[in-house]
């Protein structure tokens, strides 16, 4: 029995000693791990700072380059061409916002109008259209307001007012297309003037110098480049606006046909 107790005592002492040693090792390793994590965090911050500085320096260099090229291309023509971009983008943004706000859930509107006709008649349907935003609701309102004059009059009113709403959707598109045309035209005009200045310098010098010719051609090409870039950017926005208009026009036409069907059914129910 004494041997058993002695054996258990030895095992307990060995276990306790191992636990103490492991705790000491863990305490010794903790500062090292903390130092490693701190070093990694510091290295990450340094890399991020260097990347931010490189990005900032790249933007500064790009800004200086653009400014230099703008001045070399001739401030007059470059500024006039740039104004085409400013006005064109302003009109494009205005059209995109207007068209985005003009979108209507036509299925929900048709269901609401049909339910309103069943419950409250024409006046209730007019109230639904009056409280709904968009050209489709406006067309419905104009058509329903002529219901007393007959279904044929309603159909003509819907078709006529649909043309009016389409004209409102296409508002200012002619100005956008004008700036698309003017921007490269101003660039080509600057090109011609730059070439004329180059030949004038050659005539003054009396000899063909590569420096003189290159300077005039560079000015000419810079104005042309800016004009073409502006025209491409505005053309992309213009085509996007046209796609929005086409979608709205299709919704107007489909919903107008559905409205006429609803009105015909309502007229038949009134006769009964």
C-alpha atoms as a PDB file:
ATOM      1  CA  UNK A   1       0.000   0.000   0.000  1.00  0.00           C
ATOM      2  CA  UNK A   2       2.855   2.329   0.812  1.00  0.00           C
ATOM      3  CA  UNK A   3       4.334   1.596  -2.608  1.00  0.00           C
ATOM      4  CA  UNK A   4       1.065   2.560  -4.279  1.00  0.00           C
ATOM      5  CA  UNK A   5       0.924   5.879  -2.387  1.00  0.00           C
ATOM      6  CA  UNK A   6       4.551   6.542  -3.212  1.00  0.00           C
ATOM      7  CA  UNK A   7       3.937   5.831  -6.887  1.00  0.00           C
ATOM      8  CA  UNK A   8       0.907   8.155  -6.942  1.00  0.00           C
ATOM      9  CA  UNK A   9       2.915  10.872  -5.217  1.00  0.00           C
ATOM     10  CA  UNK A  10       5.704  10.614  -7.773  1.00  0.00           C
ATOM     11  CA  UNK A  11       3.197  10.755 -10.649  1.00  0.00           C
ATOM     12  CA  UNK A  12       1.520  13.832  -9.120  1.00  0.00           C
ATOM     13  CA  UNK A  13       4.858  15.604  -8.721  1.00  0.00           C
ATOM     14  CA  UNK A  14       5.807  14.791 -12.331  1.00  0.00           C
ATOM     15  CA  UNK A  15       2.434  16.052 -13.624  1.00  0.00           C
ATOM     16  CA  UNK A  16       2.646  19.249 -11.601  1.00  0.00           C
ATOM     17  CA  UNK A  17       6.223  19.810 -12.754  1.00  0.00           C
ATOM     18  CA  UNK A  18       5.231  19.324 -16.407  1.00  0.00           C
ATOM     19  CA  UNK A  19       2.358  21.805 -16.027  1.00  0.00           C
ATOM     20  CA  UNK A  20       4.690  24.373 -14.488  1.00  0.00           C
ATOM     21  CA  UNK A  21       7.211  23.908 -17.291  1.00  0.00           C
ATOM     22  CA  UNK A  22       4.465  24.247 -19.968  1.00  0.00           C
ATOM     23  CA  UNK A  23       3.141  27.410 -18.323  1.00  0.00           C
ATOM     24  CA  UNK A  24       6.605  28.898 -18.250  1.00  0.00           C
ATOM     25  CA  UNK A  25       7.134  28.034 -21.922  1.00  0.00           C
ATOM     26  CA  UNK A  26       3.779  29.623 -22.813  1.00  0.00           C
ATOM     27  CA  UNK A  27       4.666  32.774 -20.896  1.00  0.00           C
ATOM     28  CA  UNK A  28       8.001  32.918 -22.690  1.00  0.00           C
ATOM     29  CA  UNK A  29       6.409  32.365 -26.107  1.00  0.00           C
ATOM     30  CA  UNK A  30       3.646  34.970 -25.605  1.00  0.00           C
ATOM     31  CA  UNK A  31       5.911  38.041 -25.842  1.00  0.00           C
ATOM     32  CA  UNK A  32       7.596  36.593 -28.913  1.00  0.00           C
ATOM     33  CA  UNK A  33       4.206  36.045 -30.626  1.00  0.00           C
ATOM     34  CA  UNK A  34       3.099  39.545 -29.659  1.00  0.00           C
ATOM     35  CA  UNK A  35       6.294  41.007 -31.095  1.00  0.00           C
ATOM     36  CA  UNK A  36       5.778  39.029 -34.325  1.00  0.00           C
ATOM     37  CA  UNK A  37       2.183  40.258 -34.684  1.00  0.00           C
ATOM     38  CA  UNK A  38       3.312  43.827 -34.019  1.00  0.00           C
ATOM     39  CA  UNK A  39       6.049  43.528 -36.639  1.00  0.00           C
ATOM     40  CA  UNK A  40       3.571  42.153 -39.204  1.00  0.00           C
ATOM     41  CA  UNK A  41       1.088  44.975 -38.481  1.00  0.00           C
ATOM     42  CA  UNK A  42       3.841  47.562 -38.820  1.00  0.00           C
ATOM     43  CA  UNK A  43       4.989  46.023 -42.107  1.00  0.00           C
ATOM     44  CA  UNK A  44       1.387  46.058 -43.416  1.00  0.00           C
ATOM     45  CA  UNK A  45       0.977  49.720 -42.464  1.00  0.00           C
ATOM     46  CA  UNK A  46       4.229  50.575 -44.199  1.00  0.00           C
ATOM     47  CA  UNK A  47       3.131  48.777 -47.387  1.00  0.00           C
ATOM     48  CA  UNK A  48      -0.259  50.512 -47.347  1.00  0.00           C
ATOM     49  CA  UNK A  49       1.359  53.884 -46.776  1.00  0.00           C
ATOM     50  CA  UNK A  50       3.780  53.326 -49.650  1.00  0.00           C
ATOM     51  CA  UNK A  51       0.916  52.249 -51.927  1.00  0.00           C
ATOM     52  CA  UNK A  52      -1.103  55.338 -50.993  1.00  0.00           C
ATOM     53  CA  UNK A  53       1.903  57.573 -51.627  1.00  0.00           C
ATOM     54  CA  UNK A  54       2.503  55.923 -55.018  1.00  0.00           C
ATOM     55  CA  UNK A  55      -1.158  56.385 -55.969  1.00  0.00           C
ATOM     56  CA  UNK A  56      -1.094  60.018 -54.862  1.00  0.00           C
ATOM     57  CA  UNK A  57       2.123  60.681 -56.742  1.00  0.00           C
ATOM     58  CA  UNK A  58       0.659  58.986 -59.823  1.00  0.00           C
ATOM     59  CA  UNK A  59      -2.430  61.216 -59.678  1.00  0.00           C
ATOM     60  CA  UNK A  60      -0.282  64.304 -59.256  1.00  0.00           C
ATOM     61  CA  UNK A  61       1.866  63.296 -62.227  1.00  0.00           C
ATOM     62  CA  UNK A  62      -1.264  62.627 -64.327  1.00  0.00           C
ATOM     63  CA  UNK A  63      -2.710  66.013 -63.373  1.00  0.00           C
ATOM     64  CA  UNK A  64       0.519  67.776 -64.340  1.00  0.00           C
ATOM     65  CA  UNK A  65       0.660  65.920 -67.651  1.00  0.00           C
ATOM     66  CA  UNK A  66      -2.928  66.777 -68.532  1.00  0.00           C
ATOM     67  CA  UNK A  67      -2.368  70.394 -67.584  1.00  0.00           C
ATOM     68  CA  UNK A  68       0.761  70.573 -69.731  1.00  0.00           C
ATOM     69  CA  UNK A  69      -0.953  68.994 -72.734  1.00  0.00           C
ATOM     70  CA  UNK A  70      -3.944  71.300 -72.284  1.00  0.00           C
ATOM     71  CA  UNK A  71      -1.693  74.359 -72.448  1.00  0.00           C
ATOM     72  CA  UNK A  72       0.324  72.970 -75.363  1.00  0.00           C
ATOM     73  CA  UNK A  73      -2.859  72.318 -77.344  1.00  0.00           C
ATOM     74  CA  UNK A  74      -3.889  75.951 -77.129  1.00  0.00           C
ATOM     75  CA  UNK A  75      -5.991  77.188 -74.237  1.00  0.00           C
ATOM     76  CA  UNK A  76      -8.627  78.740 -76.493  1.00  0.00           C
ATOM     77  CA  UNK A  77      -9.624  75.721 -78.558  1.00  0.00           C
ATOM     78  CA  UNK A  78      -9.017  73.249 -75.745  1.00  0.00           C
ATOM     79  CA  UNK A  79     -11.277  75.226 -73.388  1.00  0.00           C
ATOM     80  CA  UNK A  80     -14.003  75.578 -76.030  1.00  0.00           C
ATOM     81  CA  UNK A  81     -13.874  71.849 -76.713  1.00  0.00           C
ATOM     82  CA  UNK A  82     -13.953  71.095 -73.000  1.00  0.00           C
ATOM     83  CA  UNK A  83     -17.069  73.243 -72.597  1.00  0.00           C
ATOM     84  CA  UNK A  84     -18.837  70.893 -75.015  1.00  0.00           C
ATOM     85  CA  UNK A  85     -18.097  68.066 -72.605  1.00  0.00           C
ATOM     86  CA  UNK A  86     -19.343  70.037 -69.584  1.00  0.00           C
ATOM     87  CA  UNK A  87     -22.634  71.128 -71.179  1.00  0.00           C
ATOM     88  CA  UNK A  88     -23.166  67.766 -72.869  1.00  0.00           C
ATOM     89  CA  UNK A  89     -22.653  65.814 -69.647  1.00  0.00           C
ATOM     90  CA  UNK A  90     -24.973  68.180 -67.769  1.00  0.00           C
ATOM     91  CA  UNK A  91     -27.756  67.529 -70.285  1.00  0.00           C
ATOM     92  CA  UNK A  92     -27.081  63.784 -70.259  1.00  0.00           C
ATOM     93  CA  UNK A  93     -27.286  63.599 -66.463  1.00  0.00           C
ATOM     94  CA  UNK A  94     -30.496  65.642 -66.484  1.00  0.00           C
ATOM     95  CA  UNK A  95     -32.068  63.270 -69.046  1.00  0.00           C
ATOM     96  CA  UNK A  96     -30.971  60.146 -67.187  1.00  0.00           C
ATOM     97  CA  UNK A  97     -32.453  61.428 -63.910  1.00  0.00           C
ATOM     98  CA  UNK A  98     -35.702  62.467 -65.630  1.00  0.00           C
ATOM     99  CA  UNK A  99     -36.084  59.139 -67.431  1.00  0.00           C
ATOM    100  CA  UNK A 100     -35.263  57.158 -64.302  1.00  0.00           C
ATOM    101  CA  UNK A 101     -37.967  59.016 -62.378  1.00  0.00           C
ATOM    102  CA  UNK A 102     -40.414  58.455 -65.255  1.00  0.00           C
ATOM    103  CA  UNK A 103     -40.409  54.682 -64.844  1.00  0.00           C
ATOM    104  CA  UNK A 104     -43.693  53.274 -63.562  1.00  0.00           C
ATOM    105  CA  UNK A 105     -44.816  49.830 -62.489  1.00  0.00           C
ATOM    106  CA  UNK A 106     -47.377  49.542 -65.280  1.00  0.00           C
ATOM    107  CA  UNK A 107     -48.788  46.198 -64.130  1.00  0.00           C
ATOM    108  CA  UNK A 108     -49.548  47.546 -60.675  1.00  0.00           C
ATOM    109  CA  UNK A 109     -50.999  50.731 -62.176  1.00  0.00           C
ATOM    110  CA  UNK A 110     -53.293  48.775 -64.510  1.00  0.00           C
ATOM    111  CA  UNK A 111     -54.491  46.590 -61.638  1.00  0.00           C
ATOM    112  CA  UNK A 112     -55.153  49.647 -59.452  1.00  0.00           C
ATOM    113  CA  UNK A 113     -57.045  51.403 -62.244  1.00  0.00           C
ATOM    114  CA  UNK A 114     -59.166  48.325 -62.923  1.00  0.00           C
ATOM    115  CA  UNK A 115     -60.003  47.875 -59.244  1.00  0.00           C
ATOM    116  CA  UNK A 116     -60.802  51.569 -58.928  1.00  0.00           C
ATOM    117  CA  UNK A 117     -63.183  51.370 -61.900  1.00  0.00           C
ATOM    118  CA  UNK A 118     -64.988  48.427 -60.311  1.00  0.00           C
ATOM    119  CA  UNK A 119     -65.308  50.060 -56.905  1.00  0.00           C
ATOM    120  CA  UNK A 120     -65.581  53.815 -57.558  1.00  0.00           C
ATOM    121  CA  UNK A 121     -65.950  54.350 -61.277  1.00  0.00           C
ATOM    122  CA  UNK A 122     -64.099  56.806 -63.495  1.00  0.00           C
ATOM    123  CA  UNK A 123     -63.447  59.352 -60.761  1.00  0.00           C
ATOM    124  CA  UNK A 124     -61.704  56.792 -58.564  1.00  0.00           C
ATOM    125  CA  UNK A 125     -59.549  55.697 -61.513  1.00  0.00           C
ATOM    126  CA  UNK A 126     -58.655  59.329 -62.215  1.00  0.00           C
ATOM    127  CA  UNK A 127     -57.561  59.742 -58.595  1.00  0.00           C
ATOM    128  CA  UNK A 128     -55.288  56.708 -58.934  1.00  0.00           C
ATOM    129  CA  UNK A 129     -53.666  58.146 -62.078  1.00  0.00           C
ATOM    130  CA  UNK A 130     -53.353  61.590 -60.502  1.00  0.00           C
ATOM    131  CA  UNK A 131     -51.449  60.166 -57.542  1.00  0.00           C
ATOM    132  CA  UNK A 132     -49.067  58.108 -59.711  1.00  0.00           C
ATOM    133  CA  UNK A 133     -45.864  59.523 -61.173  1.00  0.00           C
ATOM    134  CA  UNK A 134     -44.731  59.026 -64.772  1.00  0.00           C
ATOM    135  CA  UNK A 135     -45.853  59.497 -68.377  1.00  0.00           C
ATOM    136  CA  UNK A 136     -47.932  56.296 -68.382  1.00  0.00           C
ATOM    137  CA  UNK A 137     -50.114  57.597 -65.568  1.00  0.00           C
ATOM    138  CA  UNK A 138     -50.484  60.931 -67.381  1.00  0.00           C
ATOM    139  CA  UNK A 139     -51.653  59.151 -70.543  1.00  0.00           C
ATOM    140  CA  UNK A 140     -54.141  57.121 -68.516  1.00  0.00           C
ATOM    141  CA  UNK A 141     -55.460  60.272 -66.877  1.00  0.00           C
ATOM    142  CA  UNK A 142     -56.013  62.040 -70.195  1.00  0.00           C
ATOM    143  CA  UNK A 143     -57.754  59.013 -71.673  1.00  0.00           C
ATOM    144  CA  UNK A 144     -60.022  58.389 -68.684  1.00  0.00           C
ATOM    145  CA  UNK A 145     -60.973  62.067 -68.522  1.00  0.00           C
ATOM    146  CA  UNK A 146     -62.547  61.699 -72.000  1.00  0.00           C
ATOM    147  CA  UNK A 147     -64.518  58.575 -71.150  1.00  0.00           C
ATOM    148  CA  UNK A 148     -67.870  60.395 -71.334  1.00  0.00           C
ATOM    149  CA  UNK A 149     -67.192  61.192 -75.021  1.00  0.00           C
ATOM    150  CA  UNK A 150     -66.895  57.554 -76.020  1.00  0.00           C
ATOM    151  CA  UNK A 151     -64.286  54.824 -76.358  1.00  0.00           C
ATOM    152  CA  UNK A 152     -63.154  56.087 -79.776  1.00  0.00           C
ATOM    153  CA  UNK A 153     -62.373  59.507 -78.352  1.00  0.00           C
ATOM    154  CA  UNK A 154     -60.477  57.857 -75.491  1.00  0.00           C
ATOM    155  CA  UNK A 155     -58.379  55.910 -77.999  1.00  0.00           C
ATOM    156  CA  UNK A 156     -57.526  59.029 -79.993  1.00  0.00           C
ATOM    157  CA  UNK A 157     -56.708  60.958 -76.828  1.00  0.00           C
ATOM    158  CA  UNK A 158     -54.372  58.223 -75.603  1.00  0.00           C
ATOM    159  CA  UNK A 159     -52.574  58.133 -78.959  1.00  0.00           C
ATOM    160  CA  UNK A 160     -52.259  61.929 -79.161  1.00  0.00           C
ATOM    161  CA  UNK A 161     -51.079  62.410 -75.608  1.00  0.00           C
ATOM    162  CA  UNK A 162     -48.667  59.520 -76.038  1.00  0.00           C
ATOM    163  CA  UNK A 163     -46.943  61.568 -78.732  1.00  0.00           C
ATOM    164  CA  UNK A 164     -46.784  64.526 -76.360  1.00  0.00           C
ATOM    165  CA  UNK A 165     -45.163  62.426 -73.654  1.00  0.00           C
ATOM    166  CA  UNK A 166     -42.699  60.985 -76.143  1.00  0.00           C
ATOM    167  CA  UNK A 167     -41.678  64.517 -77.074  1.00  0.00           C
ATOM    168  CA  UNK A 168     -41.055  65.271 -73.401  1.00  0.00           C
ATOM    169  CA  UNK A 169     -38.907  62.149 -73.089  1.00  0.00           C
ATOM    170  CA  UNK A 170     -36.784  63.220 -76.067  1.00  0.00           C
ATOM    171  CA  UNK A 171     -36.305  66.771 -74.791  1.00  0.00           C
ATOM    172  CA  UNK A 172     -32.732  68.165 -75.072  1.00  0.00           C
ATOM    173  CA  UNK A 173     -31.518  65.205 -77.157  1.00  0.00           C
ATOM    174  CA  UNK A 174     -30.920  67.537 -80.081  1.00  0.00           C
ATOM    175  CA  UNK A 175     -28.573  69.621 -77.923  1.00  0.00           C
ATOM    176  CA  UNK A 176     -26.634  66.539 -76.882  1.00  0.00           C
ATOM    177  CA  UNK A 177     -26.228  65.481 -80.514  1.00  0.00           C
ATOM    178  CA  UNK A 178     -25.124  69.038 -81.307  1.00  0.00           C
ATOM    179  CA  UNK A 179     -22.309  68.882 -78.750  1.00  0.00           C
ATOM    180  CA  UNK A 180     -21.328  65.456 -80.089  1.00  0.00           C
ATOM    181  CA  UNK A 181     -20.881  67.037 -83.503  1.00  0.00           C
ATOM    182  CA  UNK A 182     -19.275  70.288 -82.350  1.00  0.00           C
ATOM    183  CA  UNK A 183     -16.563  68.718 -80.169  1.00  0.00           C
ATOM    184  CA  UNK A 184     -14.641  66.938 -82.986  1.00  0.00           C
ATOM    185  CA  UNK A 185     -15.326  69.862 -85.321  1.00  0.00           C
ATOM    186  CA  UNK A 186     -13.580  72.220 -82.909  1.00  0.00           C
ATOM    187  CA  UNK A 187     -10.751  69.709 -82.652  1.00  0.00           C
ATOM    188  CA  UNK A 188     -10.339  69.598 -86.426  1.00  0.00           C
ATOM    189  CA  UNK A 189     -10.476  73.389 -86.540  1.00  0.00           C
ATOM    190  CA  UNK A 190      -7.674  73.530 -84.015  1.00  0.00           C
ATOM    191  CA  UNK A 191      -5.772  71.026 -86.158  1.00  0.00           C
ATOM    192  CA  UNK A 192      -6.041  73.229 -89.219  1.00  0.00           C
ATOM    193  CA  UNK A 193      -4.976  76.321 -87.298  1.00  0.00           C
ATOM    194  CA  UNK A 194      -2.035  74.444 -85.793  1.00  0.00           C
ATOM    195  CA  UNK A 195      -0.884  73.317 -89.241  1.00  0.00           C
ATOM    196  CA  UNK A 196      -1.186  76.862 -90.565  1.00  0.00           C
ATOM    197  CA  UNK A 197       0.937  78.153 -87.681  1.00  0.00           C
ATOM    198  CA  UNK A 198       3.519  75.451 -88.372  1.00  0.00           C
ATOM    199  CA  UNK A 199       3.778  76.475 -92.045  1.00  0.00           C
ATOM    200  CA  UNK A 200       3.973  80.142 -91.057  1.00  0.00           C
ATOM    201  CA  UNK A 201       6.957  79.368 -88.820  1.00  0.00           C
ATOM    202  CA  UNK A 202       8.599  77.395 -91.596  1.00  0.00           C
ATOM    203  CA  UNK A 203       8.115  80.336 -93.924  1.00  0.00           C
ATOM    204  CA  UNK A 204       9.617  82.727 -91.395  1.00  0.00           C
ATOM    205  CA  UNK A 205      12.615  80.518 -90.751  1.00  0.00           C
ATOM    206  CA  UNK A 206      13.108  79.836 -94.438  1.00  0.00           C
ATOM    207  CA  UNK A 207      14.052  76.232 -93.816  1.00  0.00           C
ATOM    208  CA  UNK A 208      12.171  73.068 -92.839  1.00  0.00           C
ATOM    209  CA  UNK A 209      13.054  72.378 -89.220  1.00  0.00           C
ATOM    210  CA  UNK A 210      11.904  69.212 -87.494  1.00  0.00           C
ATOM    211  CA  UNK A 211      11.387  71.118 -84.247  1.00  0.00           C
ATOM    212  CA  UNK A 212       9.131  73.715 -85.854  1.00  0.00           C
ATOM    213  CA  UNK A 213       7.100  71.154 -87.768  1.00  0.00           C
ATOM    214  CA  UNK A 214       6.738  68.830 -84.778  1.00  0.00           C
ATOM    215  CA  UNK A 215       5.543  71.651 -82.516  1.00  0.00           C
ATOM    216  CA  UNK A 216       2.768  72.690 -84.894  1.00  0.00           C
ATOM    217  CA  UNK A 217       1.661  69.134 -85.584  1.00  0.00           C
ATOM    218  CA  UNK A 218       1.578  68.320 -81.855  1.00  0.00           C
ATOM    219  CA  UNK A 219      -0.749  71.247 -81.180  1.00  0.00           C
ATOM    220  CA  UNK A 220      -2.966  70.119 -84.038  1.00  0.00           C
ATOM    221  CA  UNK A 221      -3.155  66.527 -82.852  1.00  0.00           C
ATOM    222  CA  UNK A 222      -3.882  67.462 -79.231  1.00  0.00           C
ATOM    223  CA  UNK A 223      -6.989  69.449 -80.142  1.00  0.00           C
ATOM    224  CA  UNK A 224      -8.205  66.658 -82.404  1.00  0.00           C
ATOM    225  CA  UNK A 225      -7.605  64.056 -79.704  1.00  0.00           C
ATOM    226  CA  UNK A 226      -9.596  65.976 -77.105  1.00  0.00           C
ATOM    227  CA  UNK A 227     -12.479  66.544 -79.498  1.00  0.00           C
ATOM    228  CA  UNK A 228     -12.703  62.877 -80.434  1.00  0.00           C
ATOM    229  CA  UNK A 229     -12.564  61.729 -76.792  1.00  0.00           C
ATOM    230  CA  UNK A 230     -15.372  64.105 -75.844  1.00  0.00           C
ATOM    231  CA  UNK A 231     -17.482  62.972 -78.798  1.00  0.00           C
ATOM    232  CA  UNK A 232     -17.024  59.308 -77.856  1.00  0.00           C
ATOM    233  CA  UNK A 233     -17.973  59.904 -74.208  1.00  0.00           C
ATOM    234  CA  UNK A 234     -21.091  61.894 -75.105  1.00  0.00           C
ATOM    235  CA  UNK A 235     -22.071  59.335 -77.745  1.00  0.00           C
ATOM    236  CA  UNK A 236     -22.043  56.570 -75.133  1.00  0.00           C
ATOM    237  CA  UNK A 237     -24.333  58.568 -72.854  1.00  0.00           C
ATOM    238  CA  UNK A 238     -26.555  59.468 -75.833  1.00  0.00           C
ATOM    239  CA  UNK A 239     -27.068  55.824 -76.808  1.00  0.00           C
ATOM    240  CA  UNK A 240     -27.812  54.896 -73.192  1.00  0.00           C
ATOM    241  CA  UNK A 241     -30.465  57.626 -73.040  1.00  0.00           C
ATOM    242  CA  UNK A 242     -31.992  56.364 -76.285  1.00  0.00           C
ATOM    243  CA  UNK A 243     -32.240  52.866 -74.825  1.00  0.00           C
ATOM    244  CA  UNK A 244     -34.065  54.259 -71.767  1.00  0.00           C
ATOM    245  CA  UNK A 245     -36.491  56.146 -74.016  1.00  0.00           C
ATOM    246  CA  UNK A 246     -37.178  53.062 -76.116  1.00  0.00           C
ATOM    247  CA  UNK A 247     -38.020  51.061 -73.015  1.00  0.00           C
ATOM    248  CA  UNK A 248     -40.403  53.741 -71.747  1.00  0.00           C
ATOM    249  CA  UNK A 249     -42.095  54.087 -75.142  1.00  0.00           C
ATOM    250  CA  UNK A 250     -42.686  50.329 -75.314  1.00  0.00           C
ATOM    251  CA  UNK A 251     -44.235  50.415 -71.845  1.00  0.00           C
ATOM    252  CA  UNK A 252     -46.448  53.341 -72.864  1.00  0.00           C
ATOM    253  CA  UNK A 253     -47.712  51.539 -75.958  1.00  0.00           C
ATOM    254  CA  UNK A 254     -48.362  48.213 -74.229  1.00  0.00           C
ATOM    255  CA  UNK A 255     -50.058  49.792 -71.236  1.00  0.00           C
ATOM    256  CA  UNK A 256     -52.206  52.020 -73.463  1.00  0.00           C
ATOM    257  CA  UNK A 257     -53.573  48.960 -75.268  1.00  0.00           C
ATOM    258  CA  UNK A 258     -54.285  47.289 -71.935  1.00  0.00           C
ATOM    259  CA  UNK A 259     -56.047  50.434 -70.683  1.00  0.00           C
ATOM    260  CA  UNK A 260     -58.326  50.487 -73.723  1.00  0.00           C
ATOM    261  CA  UNK A 261     -59.255  46.854 -73.089  1.00  0.00           C
ATOM    262  CA  UNK A 262     -60.126  47.698 -69.489  1.00  0.00           C
ATOM    263  CA  UNK A 263     -62.233  50.675 -70.576  1.00  0.00           C
ATOM    264  CA  UNK A 264     -64.097  48.568 -73.147  1.00  0.00           C
ATOM    265  CA  UNK A 265     -64.922  45.950 -70.515  1.00  0.00           C
ATOM    266  CA  UNK A 266     -66.040  48.663 -68.097  1.00  0.00           C
ATOM    267  CA  UNK A 267     -68.285  50.215 -70.783  1.00  0.00           C
ATOM    268  CA  UNK A 268     -69.885  46.867 -71.479  1.00  0.00           C
ATOM    269  CA  UNK A 269     -70.565  46.312 -67.797  1.00  0.00           C
ATOM    270  CA  UNK A 270     -72.182  49.761 -67.543  1.00  0.00           C
ATOM    271  CA  UNK A 271     -74.530  48.947 -70.423  1.00  0.00           C
ATOM    272  CA  UNK A 272     -75.635  45.785 -68.687  1.00  0.00           C
END
